[in-house]
Amino acid sequence: MGQLKDETMKELARKYVWWKSPDEALRAPQRIIAQVMNVGDYDDVQMLANHLGPEALREALNHAEAGQFDKRSWTYWHYRLGLAELGEVPPVPSRTLP
């Protein structure tokens, strides 16, 4: 990541991945991206989208882990990023027990 993107991601990590230091959170940027996409406020979501672009947001959805997105955010992002047609959103990732 470039310096500007690193600083933006650190700023978002401070706010949305508060249980880790920004540098530690930056080692798993997908977690920061998913967290902002799921619970971020409008300004932070726009900042994230503008700095990373839609492909990075699509990647966050494609590699999402169980519990990273609630159903509402999952549905919103699939529609916003053109990944689903109306009524055809894939299920939110979930854990399966053996």
Protein backbone atom coordinates (compact mmCIF):
# COMPACT_ATOMS: atom_id res chain seq x y z
CA MET A 1 0.00 0.00 0.00
CA GLY A 2 1.11 3.54 -0.63
CA GLN A 3 1.78 6.03 2.16
CA LEU A 4 -1.58 7.83 1.73
CA LYS A 5 -3.47 4.55 1.76
CA ASP A 6 -1.53 3.37 4.81
CA GLU A 7 -2.42 6.54 6.72
CA THR A 8 -6.07 6.28 5.70
CA MET A 9 -6.19 2.64 6.74
CA LYS A 10 -4.50 3.43 10.07
CA GLU A 11 -7.05 6.17 10.71
CA LEU A 12 -9.89 3.75 9.99
CA ALA A 13 -8.25 1.00 12.07
CA ARG A 14 -8.06 3.31 15.11
CA LYS A 15 -11.80 3.81 14.90
CA TYR A 16 -13.10 0.41 13.73
CA VAL A 17 -10.53 -2.15 14.92
CA TRP A 18 -10.01 -0.57 18.34
CA TRP A 19 -8.90 -3.82 20.00
CA LYS A 20 -5.62 -3.78 18.03
CA SER A 21 -3.00 -1.13 17.44
CA PRO A 22 -3.30 0.47 13.98
CA ASP A 23 -0.02 -1.12 12.89
CA GLU A 24 -1.17 -4.54 14.02
CA ALA A 25 -4.56 -4.10 12.32
CA LEU A 26 -2.84 -3.03 9.11
CA ARG A 27 -1.32 -6.51 8.84
CA ALA A 28 -4.85 -7.73 7.98
CA PRO A 29 -6.28 -4.90 5.85
CA GLN A 30 -9.22 -7.04 4.73
CA ARG A 31 -10.46 -7.03 8.33
CA ILE A 32 -10.35 -3.22 8.45
CA ILE A 33 -12.13 -2.97 5.11
CA ALA A 34 -14.86 -5.42 6.17
CA GLN A 35 -15.35 -3.68 9.50
CA VAL A 36 -15.79 -0.26 7.88
CA MET A 37 -18.11 -1.72 5.25
CA ASN A 38 -20.21 -3.33 7.97
CA VAL A 39 -20.42 -0.63 10.66
CA GLY A 40 -18.75 2.46 9.20
CA ASP A 41 -20.43 5.84 9.08
CA TYR A 42 -21.15 7.49 5.74
CA ASP A 43 -18.00 9.63 5.65
CA ASP A 44 -15.69 6.74 6.53
CA VAL A 45 -17.32 4.43 3.99
CA GLN A 46 -16.87 7.08 1.29
CA MET A 47 -13.25 7.64 2.33
CA LEU A 48 -12.59 3.89 2.14
CA ALA A 49 -14.28 3.53 -1.25
CA ASN A 50 -12.46 6.53 -2.70
CA HIS A 51 -9.04 5.42 -1.48
CA LEU A 52 -9.28 1.73 -2.32
CA GLY A 53 -11.73 1.58 -5.21
CA PRO A 54 -14.55 -0.86 -5.86
CA GLU A 55 -12.35 -3.85 -6.65
CA ALA A 56 -10.88 -3.90 -3.12
CA LEU A 57 -14.40 -3.74 -1.69
CA ARG A 58 -15.49 -6.62 -3.92
CA GLU A 59 -12.50 -8.61 -2.70
CA ALA A 60 -13.53 -7.98 0.91
CA LEU A 61 -16.95 -9.46 0.14
CA ASN A 62 -15.52 -12.36 -1.83
CA HIS A 63 -13.18 -13.29 1.05
CA ALA A 64 -15.48 -12.41 3.95
CA GLU A 65 -15.43 -14.62 7.00
CA ALA A 66 -18.41 -15.64 9.09
CA GLY A 67 -19.49 -12.79 11.34
CA GLN A 68 -17.78 -9.96 9.44
CA PHE A 69 -20.99 -8.68 7.85
CA ASP A 70 -24.54 -8.48 9.06
CA LYS A 71 -27.27 -9.30 6.55
CA ARG A 72 -28.18 -5.67 5.92
CA SER A 73 -24.61 -4.59 5.08
CA TRP A 74 -23.98 -7.76 3.07
CA THR A 75 -27.04 -7.08 0.93
CA TYR A 76 -26.28 -3.37 0.53
CA TRP A 77 -22.72 -3.95 -0.66
CA HIS A 78 -23.70 -6.65 -3.10
CA TYR A 79 -26.17 -4.29 -4.72
CA ARG A 80 -23.91 -1.23 -4.58
CA LEU A 81 -20.99 -3.06 -6.15
CA GLY A 82 -23.08 -4.77 -8.82
CA LEU A 83 -22.47 -8.26 -7.49
CA ALA A 84 -26.11 -9.29 -7.29
CA GLU A 85 -29.40 -8.74 -9.04
CA LEU A 86 -32.48 -7.80 -7.05
CA GLY A 87 -33.45 -10.72 -4.83
CA GLU A 88 -30.38 -12.79 -5.75
CA VAL A 89 -27.90 -11.87 -3.03
CA PRO A 90 -25.83 -14.87 -1.88
CA PRO A 91 -26.16 -15.92 1.76
CA VAL A 92 -24.00 -14.24 4.37
CA PRO A 93 -20.97 -16.40 5.21
CA SER A 94 -21.59 -18.63 8.19
CA ARG A 95 -19.78 -21.27 10.16
CA THR A 96 -20.67 -24.89 9.73
CA LEU A 97 -20.11 -27.43 12.45
CA PRO A 98 -18.84 -30.88 11.52
